[in-house]
């Protein structure tokens, strides 16, 4: 009875933690959506220099500012046509464009100014490191590139006073996701520590089991 009560208490607490984590994740997603800065246009100003028009004004970006490019492919919800989604990480924030955007052609020119192959992921690397083609060097370059884009993982055009708020909301979201996931694992796979294992499992089910053992022993004597 005590074990069943403790199990119910643990399930109740775990359910409350998971529900609270989901609620915090939903609030953080709403906050990120409200803090997101939209790109309304990309214009070619000069050779290698582009102007990204955002909700908070224009931002000039050159090909030397690009740190990382990520390409993903999906399909449109209504027509099923293929859609390319590109995220361009720059020293001034990331630019998120879609092949459905009216300024996609200019944005794609910005991508092609540094990425001539069209790989799913393009990273900037020094010329000295590019000469070495070992697997270890490529992994080190990818890790270094990920560390380089972390401080600029916000939408381009975001005011400096809001960047710290964006990172705080993202940290809360990741923390709630981690806590909810760990709690769900504990709920699905409960830890059974200190629970005694019966030596004769049939002895508890059959009351005549003990008397049968005693009669066998008496006959053996």
C-alpha atoms as a PDB file:
ATOM      1  CA  UNK A   1       0.000   0.000   0.000  1.00  0.00           C
ATOM      2  CA  UNK A   2       2.860   2.360   0.861  1.00  0.00           C
ATOM      3  CA  UNK A   3       4.682   1.505  -2.385  1.00  0.00           C
ATOM      4  CA  UNK A   4       1.566   2.143  -4.457  1.00  0.00           C
ATOM      5  CA  UNK A   5       1.052   5.487  -2.725  1.00  0.00           C
ATOM      6  CA  UNK A   6       4.661   6.533  -3.392  1.00  0.00           C
ATOM      7  CA  UNK A   7       4.308   5.537  -7.045  1.00  0.00           C
ATOM      8  CA  UNK A   8       1.192   7.662  -7.373  1.00  0.00           C
ATOM      9  CA  UNK A   9       2.946  10.616  -5.756  1.00  0.00           C
ATOM     10  CA  UNK A  10       5.913  10.255  -8.102  1.00  0.00           C
ATOM     11  CA  UNK A  11       3.647  10.096 -11.165  1.00  0.00           C
ATOM     12  CA  UNK A  12       1.723  13.131  -9.956  1.00  0.00           C
ATOM     13  CA  UNK A  13       4.910  15.164  -9.426  1.00  0.00           C
ATOM     14  CA  UNK A  14       6.383  14.036 -12.755  1.00  0.00           C
ATOM     15  CA  UNK A  15       3.173  14.961 -14.573  1.00  0.00           C
ATOM     16  CA  UNK A  16       3.195  18.408 -12.978  1.00  0.00           C
ATOM     17  CA  UNK A  17       6.838  18.964 -13.963  1.00  0.00           C
ATOM     18  CA  UNK A  18       6.185  17.867 -17.570  1.00  0.00           C
ATOM     19  CA  UNK A  19       3.108  20.092 -17.825  1.00  0.00           C
ATOM     20  CA  UNK A  20       5.061  23.058 -16.420  1.00  0.00           C
ATOM     21  CA  UNK A  21       7.923  22.405 -18.850  1.00  0.00           C
ATOM     22  CA  UNK A  22       5.535  22.328 -21.818  1.00  0.00           C
ATOM     23  CA  UNK A  23       3.926  25.558 -20.621  1.00  0.00           C
ATOM     24  CA  UNK A  24       7.325  27.271 -20.331  1.00  0.00           C
ATOM     25  CA  UNK A  25       8.353  25.996 -23.793  1.00  0.00           C
ATOM     26  CA  UNK A  26       5.157  27.378 -25.331  1.00  0.00           C
ATOM     27  CA  UNK A  27       5.700  30.742 -23.641  1.00  0.00           C
ATOM     28  CA  UNK A  28       9.325  30.858 -24.823  1.00  0.00           C
ATOM     29  CA  UNK A  29       8.262  30.041 -28.390  1.00  0.00           C
ATOM     30  CA  UNK A  30       5.758  32.876 -28.236  1.00  0.00           C
ATOM     31  CA  UNK A  31       8.440  35.196 -26.870  1.00  0.00           C
ATOM     32  CA  UNK A  32      10.883  34.257 -29.622  1.00  0.00           C
ATOM     33  CA  UNK A  33       8.178  34.872 -32.225  1.00  0.00           C
ATOM     34  CA  UNK A  34       7.470  38.305 -30.781  1.00  0.00           C
ATOM     35  CA  UNK A  35      11.180  39.176 -30.650  1.00  0.00           C
ATOM     36  CA  UNK A  36      11.827  37.935 -34.176  1.00  0.00           C
ATOM     37  CA  UNK A  37      12.882  40.561 -36.715  1.00  0.00           C
ATOM     38  CA  UNK A  38      11.493  40.089 -40.206  1.00  0.00           C
ATOM     39  CA  UNK A  39      13.465  40.676 -43.409  1.00  0.00           C
ATOM     40  CA  UNK A  40      11.395  42.559 -45.966  1.00  0.00           C
ATOM     41  CA  UNK A  41      13.941  42.919 -48.771  1.00  0.00           C
ATOM     42  CA  UNK A  42      17.534  42.282 -49.841  1.00  0.00           C
ATOM     43  CA  UNK A  43      19.101  44.742 -52.284  1.00  0.00           C
ATOM     44  CA  UNK A  44      22.382  44.630 -54.164  1.00  0.00           C
ATOM     45  CA  UNK A  45      24.179  47.916 -53.500  1.00  0.00           C
ATOM     46  CA  UNK A  46      27.548  47.264 -55.022  1.00  0.00           C
ATOM     47  CA  UNK A  47      29.614  44.308 -56.102  1.00  0.00           C
ATOM     48  CA  UNK A  48      29.826  42.081 -53.018  1.00  0.00           C
ATOM     49  CA  UNK A  49      27.826  44.507 -50.836  1.00  0.00           C
ATOM     50  CA  UNK A  50      24.155  43.924 -50.006  1.00  0.00           C
ATOM     51  CA  UNK A  51      21.593  45.803 -47.921  1.00  0.00           C
ATOM     52  CA  UNK A  52      19.185  43.733 -45.825  1.00  0.00           C
ATOM     53  CA  UNK A  53      16.026  45.698 -45.058  1.00  0.00           C
ATOM     54  CA  UNK A  54      14.510  44.666 -41.697  1.00  0.00           C
ATOM     55  CA  UNK A  55      11.779  45.880 -39.373  1.00  0.00           C
ATOM     56  CA  UNK A  56      14.361  47.995 -37.508  1.00  0.00           C
ATOM     57  CA  UNK A  57      16.064  49.449 -40.562  1.00  0.00           C
ATOM     58  CA  UNK A  58      18.635  48.462 -43.198  1.00  0.00           C
ATOM     59  CA  UNK A  59      21.806  46.507 -42.446  1.00  0.00           C
ATOM     60  CA  UNK A  60      24.732  46.335 -44.854  1.00  0.00           C
ATOM     61  CA  UNK A  61      26.233  42.865 -45.349  1.00  0.00           C
ATOM     62  CA  UNK A  62      29.175  41.830 -47.491  1.00  0.00           C
ATOM     63  CA  UNK A  63      30.419  38.383 -48.404  1.00  0.00           C
ATOM     64  CA  UNK A  64      33.238  38.808 -45.881  1.00  0.00           C
ATOM     65  CA  UNK A  65      30.628  38.962 -43.089  1.00  0.00           C
ATOM     66  CA  UNK A  66      29.234  35.487 -43.843  1.00  0.00           C
ATOM     67  CA  UNK A  67      30.286  32.804 -41.336  1.00  0.00           C
ATOM     68  CA  UNK A  68      27.997  29.871 -42.082  1.00  0.00           C
ATOM     69  CA  UNK A  69      25.225  28.847 -44.512  1.00  0.00           C
ATOM     70  CA  UNK A  70      22.664  26.117 -43.851  1.00  0.00           C
ATOM     71  CA  UNK A  71      20.392  24.804 -46.607  1.00  0.00           C
ATOM     72  CA  UNK A  72      17.286  22.697 -45.993  1.00  0.00           C
ATOM     73  CA  UNK A  73      14.631  21.507 -48.401  1.00  0.00           C
ATOM     74  CA  UNK A  74      10.937  20.970 -47.768  1.00  0.00           C
ATOM     75  CA  UNK A  75       7.622  21.112 -49.629  1.00  0.00           C
ATOM     76  CA  UNK A  76       4.926  23.731 -49.670  1.00  0.00           C
ATOM     77  CA  UNK A  77       1.884  22.859 -47.595  1.00  0.00           C
ATOM     78  CA  UNK A  78      -0.724  23.640 -50.255  1.00  0.00           C
ATOM     79  CA  UNK A  79       0.934  22.835 -53.582  1.00  0.00           C
ATOM     80  CA  UNK A  80       3.616  20.349 -52.521  1.00  0.00           C
ATOM     81  CA  UNK A  81       6.214  22.224 -54.568  1.00  0.00           C
ATOM     82  CA  UNK A  82       9.826  21.966 -53.353  1.00  0.00           C
ATOM     83  CA  UNK A  83      10.921  24.876 -51.177  1.00  0.00           C
ATOM     84  CA  UNK A  84      14.492  25.768 -50.241  1.00  0.00           C
ATOM     85  CA  UNK A  85      15.086  27.302 -46.816  1.00  0.00           C
ATOM     86  CA  UNK A  86      18.417  29.037 -46.272  1.00  0.00           C
ATOM     87  CA  UNK A  87      19.891  30.426 -43.071  1.00  0.00           C
ATOM     88  CA  UNK A  88      22.871  32.723 -43.538  1.00  0.00           C
ATOM     89  CA  UNK A  89      24.878  33.377 -40.365  1.00  0.00           C
ATOM     90  CA  UNK A  90      26.776  36.657 -40.514  1.00  0.00           C
ATOM     91  CA  UNK A  91      28.738  38.731 -38.032  1.00  0.00           C
ATOM     92  CA  UNK A  92      25.605  40.902 -37.644  1.00  0.00           C
ATOM     93  CA  UNK A  93      23.065  38.107 -37.095  1.00  0.00           C
ATOM     94  CA  UNK A  94      21.484  35.460 -39.281  1.00  0.00           C
ATOM     95  CA  UNK A  95      19.338  35.964 -42.385  1.00  0.00           C
ATOM     96  CA  UNK A  96      16.486  33.506 -42.936  1.00  0.00           C
ATOM     97  CA  UNK A  97      15.206  33.349 -46.496  1.00  0.00           C
ATOM     98  CA  UNK A  98      12.915  31.040 -48.415  1.00  0.00           C
ATOM     99  CA  UNK A  99      12.644  30.313 -52.118  1.00  0.00           C
ATOM    100  CA  UNK A 100       9.083  31.678 -51.882  1.00  0.00           C
ATOM    101  CA  UNK A 101      10.295  35.145 -50.830  1.00  0.00           C
ATOM    102  CA  UNK A 102      10.231  37.844 -53.515  1.00  0.00           C
ATOM    103  CA  UNK A 103      13.836  38.804 -52.673  1.00  0.00           C
ATOM    104  CA  UNK A 104      15.113  35.222 -52.805  1.00  0.00           C
ATOM    105  CA  UNK A 105      17.012  35.769 -56.061  1.00  0.00           C
ATOM    106  CA  UNK A 106      19.109  38.530 -54.542  1.00  0.00           C
ATOM    107  CA  UNK A 107      19.593  36.517 -51.350  1.00  0.00           C
ATOM    108  CA  UNK A 108      20.734  33.569 -53.414  1.00  0.00           C
ATOM    109  CA  UNK A 109      23.279  35.805 -55.125  1.00  0.00           C
ATOM    110  CA  UNK A 110      24.661  36.619 -51.689  1.00  0.00           C
ATOM    111  CA  UNK A 111      24.956  32.891 -50.960  1.00  0.00           C
ATOM    112  CA  UNK A 112      26.608  32.147 -54.297  1.00  0.00           C
ATOM    113  CA  UNK A 113      29.200  34.855 -53.657  1.00  0.00           C
ATOM    114  CA  UNK A 114      30.881  32.515 -51.125  1.00  0.00           C
ATOM    115  CA  UNK A 115      29.345  29.059 -51.693  1.00  0.00           C
ATOM    116  CA  UNK A 116      30.060  27.851 -55.209  1.00  0.00           C
ATOM    117  CA  UNK A 117      29.118  24.188 -54.634  1.00  0.00           C
ATOM    118  CA  UNK A 118      25.742  24.317 -52.908  1.00  0.00           C
ATOM    119  CA  UNK A 119      26.434  21.928 -50.031  1.00  0.00           C
ATOM    120  CA  UNK A 120      23.830  21.593 -47.247  1.00  0.00           C
ATOM    121  CA  UNK A 121      26.260  23.311 -44.852  1.00  0.00           C
ATOM    122  CA  UNK A 122      28.959  25.801 -45.791  1.00  0.00           C
ATOM    123  CA  UNK A 123      31.409  27.169 -43.214  1.00  0.00           C
ATOM    124  CA  UNK A 124      34.068  29.826 -43.490  1.00  0.00           C
ATOM    125  CA  UNK A 125      37.580  28.572 -42.954  1.00  0.00           C
ATOM    126  CA  UNK A 126      41.052  30.042 -43.228  1.00  0.00           C
ATOM    127  CA  UNK A 127      42.998  29.280 -46.346  1.00  0.00           C
ATOM    128  CA  UNK A 128      45.708  27.632 -44.258  1.00  0.00           C
ATOM    129  CA  UNK A 129      43.253  25.172 -42.791  1.00  0.00           C
ATOM    130  CA  UNK A 130      41.538  24.435 -46.081  1.00  0.00           C
ATOM    131  CA  UNK A 131      44.701  22.909 -47.500  1.00  0.00           C
ATOM    132  CA  UNK A 132      44.523  20.055 -45.006  1.00  0.00           C
ATOM    133  CA  UNK A 133      41.829  17.558 -45.932  1.00  0.00           C
ATOM    134  CA  UNK A 134      41.982  15.261 -42.935  1.00  0.00           C
ATOM    135  CA  UNK A 135      38.793  14.275 -41.139  1.00  0.00           C
ATOM    136  CA  UNK A 136      40.108  15.618 -37.830  1.00  0.00           C
ATOM    137  CA  UNK A 137      40.725  19.037 -39.346  1.00  0.00           C
ATOM    138  CA  UNK A 138      37.216  19.190 -40.811  1.00  0.00           C
ATOM    139  CA  UNK A 139      35.663  18.285 -37.457  1.00  0.00           C
ATOM    140  CA  UNK A 140      37.772  20.917 -35.718  1.00  0.00           C
ATOM    141  CA  UNK A 141      36.702  23.492 -38.295  1.00  0.00           C
ATOM    142  CA  UNK A 142      33.027  22.630 -37.817  1.00  0.00           C
ATOM    143  CA  UNK A 143      33.303  22.860 -34.019  1.00  0.00           C
ATOM    144  CA  UNK A 144      35.154  26.156 -34.242  1.00  0.00           C
ATOM    145  CA  UNK A 145      32.567  27.495 -36.684  1.00  0.00           C
ATOM    146  CA  UNK A 146      29.686  26.506 -34.388  1.00  0.00           C
ATOM    147  CA  UNK A 147      31.364  28.326 -31.514  1.00  0.00           C
ATOM    148  CA  UNK A 148      31.851  31.362 -33.740  1.00  0.00           C
ATOM    149  CA  UNK A 149      28.173  31.637 -34.740  1.00  0.00           C
ATOM    150  CA  UNK A 150      26.767  31.162 -31.232  1.00  0.00           C
ATOM    151  CA  UNK A 151      27.180  34.833 -30.213  1.00  0.00           C
ATOM    152  CA  UNK A 152      25.334  35.929 -33.399  1.00  0.00           C
ATOM    153  CA  UNK A 153      22.486  33.413 -33.290  1.00  0.00           C
ATOM    154  CA  UNK A 154      19.808  36.082 -33.534  1.00  0.00           C
ATOM    155  CA  UNK A 155      17.927  37.604 -36.438  1.00  0.00           C
ATOM    156  CA  UNK A 156      19.788  40.302 -38.319  1.00  0.00           C
ATOM    157  CA  UNK A 157      18.549  43.776 -37.436  1.00  0.00           C
ATOM    158  CA  UNK A 158      17.780  42.879 -33.800  1.00  0.00           C
ATOM    159  CA  UNK A 159      18.608  45.878 -31.568  1.00  0.00           C
ATOM    160  CA  UNK A 160      21.533  45.334 -29.227  1.00  0.00           C
ATOM    161  CA  UNK A 161      19.312  45.923 -26.194  1.00  0.00           C
ATOM    162  CA  UNK A 162      17.125  42.955 -27.210  1.00  0.00           C
ATOM    163  CA  UNK A 163      19.868  40.427 -27.996  1.00  0.00           C
ATOM    164  CA  UNK A 164      20.433  39.573 -24.320  1.00  0.00           C
ATOM    165  CA  UNK A 165      16.684  39.052 -23.927  1.00  0.00           C
ATOM    166  CA  UNK A 166      16.639  36.719 -26.943  1.00  0.00           C
ATOM    167  CA  UNK A 167      19.459  34.609 -25.500  1.00  0.00           C
ATOM    168  CA  UNK A 168      17.710  34.507 -22.102  1.00  0.00           C
ATOM    169  CA  UNK A 169      14.484  33.239 -23.673  1.00  0.00           C
ATOM    170  CA  UNK A 170      16.417  30.605 -25.651  1.00  0.00           C
ATOM    171  CA  UNK A 171      18.230  29.458 -22.496  1.00  0.00           C
ATOM    172  CA  UNK A 172      14.920  29.104 -20.635  1.00  0.00           C
ATOM    173  CA  UNK A 173      13.492  27.111 -23.547  1.00  0.00           C
ATOM    174  CA  UNK A 174      16.440  24.696 -23.661  1.00  0.00           C
ATOM    175  CA  UNK A 175      16.383  24.316 -19.869  1.00  0.00           C
ATOM    176  CA  UNK A 176      12.658  23.533 -19.820  1.00  0.00           C
ATOM    177  CA  UNK A 177      13.120  21.071 -22.673  1.00  0.00           C
ATOM    178  CA  UNK A 178      15.941  19.277 -20.826  1.00  0.00           C
ATOM    179  CA  UNK A 179      14.042  19.109 -17.536  1.00  0.00           C
ATOM    180  CA  UNK A 180      10.871  17.871 -19.233  1.00  0.00           C
ATOM    181  CA  UNK A 181      12.776  15.218 -21.195  1.00  0.00           C
ATOM    182  CA  UNK A 182      14.585  13.884 -18.125  1.00  0.00           C
ATOM    183  CA  UNK A 183      11.340  13.788 -16.153  1.00  0.00           C
ATOM    184  CA  UNK A 184       9.605  11.920 -18.979  1.00  0.00           C
ATOM    185  CA  UNK A 185      12.396   9.333 -19.061  1.00  0.00           C
ATOM    186  CA  UNK A 186      12.135   8.827 -15.307  1.00  0.00           C
ATOM    187  CA  UNK A 187       8.373   8.442 -15.631  1.00  0.00           C
ATOM    188  CA  UNK A 188       8.633   5.897 -18.458  1.00  0.00           C
ATOM    189  CA  UNK A 189      11.576   3.977 -16.992  1.00  0.00           C
ATOM    190  CA  UNK A 190      11.146   4.210 -13.200  1.00  0.00           C
ATOM    191  CA  UNK A 191      14.130   3.442 -11.012  1.00  0.00           C
ATOM    192  CA  UNK A 192      13.497   0.400  -8.852  1.00  0.00           C
ATOM    193  CA  UNK A 193      16.160   0.630  -6.170  1.00  0.00           C
ATOM    194  CA  UNK A 194      16.055  -1.475  -3.056  1.00  0.00           C
ATOM    195  CA  UNK A 195      13.054  -3.544  -4.110  1.00  0.00           C
ATOM    196  CA  UNK A 196      13.517  -7.113  -2.781  1.00  0.00           C
ATOM    197  CA  UNK A 197      13.199  -9.933  -5.276  1.00  0.00           C
ATOM    198  CA  UNK A 198      11.255 -12.938  -3.945  1.00  0.00           C
ATOM    199  CA  UNK A 199      13.240 -16.164  -3.862  1.00  0.00           C
ATOM    200  CA  UNK A 200      10.189 -18.317  -4.590  1.00  0.00           C
ATOM    201  CA  UNK A 201       7.679 -16.306  -6.604  1.00  0.00           C
ATOM    202  CA  UNK A 202       5.125 -19.126  -6.457  1.00  0.00           C
ATOM    203  CA  UNK A 203       5.217 -19.262  -2.703  1.00  0.00           C
ATOM    204  CA  UNK A 204       3.223 -16.029  -2.416  1.00  0.00           C
ATOM    205  CA  UNK A 205       0.622 -17.171  -4.910  1.00  0.00           C
ATOM    206  CA  UNK A 206       0.087 -20.784  -3.659  1.00  0.00           C
ATOM    207  CA  UNK A 207      -0.546 -21.135   0.093  1.00  0.00           C
ATOM    208  CA  UNK A 208       0.011 -24.919  -0.133  1.00  0.00           C
ATOM    209  CA  UNK A 209       3.554 -24.453  -1.472  1.00  0.00           C
ATOM    210  CA  UNK A 210       5.144 -24.337   1.976  1.00  0.00           C
ATOM    211  CA  UNK A 211       3.208 -27.325   3.270  1.00  0.00           C
ATOM    212  CA  UNK A 212       4.249 -29.325   0.187  1.00  0.00           C
ATOM    213  CA  UNK A 213       7.925 -28.550   0.857  1.00  0.00           C
ATOM    214  CA  UNK A 214       7.550 -29.624   4.490  1.00  0.00           C
ATOM    215  CA  UNK A 215       5.878 -32.922   3.518  1.00  0.00           C
ATOM    216  CA  UNK A 216       8.647 -33.667   1.015  1.00  0.00           C
ATOM    217  CA  UNK A 217      11.244 -33.030   3.707  1.00  0.00           C
ATOM    218  CA  UNK A 218       9.441 -35.282   6.166  1.00  0.00           C
ATOM    219  CA  UNK A 219       9.323 -38.135   3.646  1.00  0.00           C
ATOM    220  CA  UNK A 220      13.052 -37.711   2.938  1.00  0.00           C
ATOM    221  CA  UNK A 221      13.833 -38.073   6.638  1.00  0.00           C
END
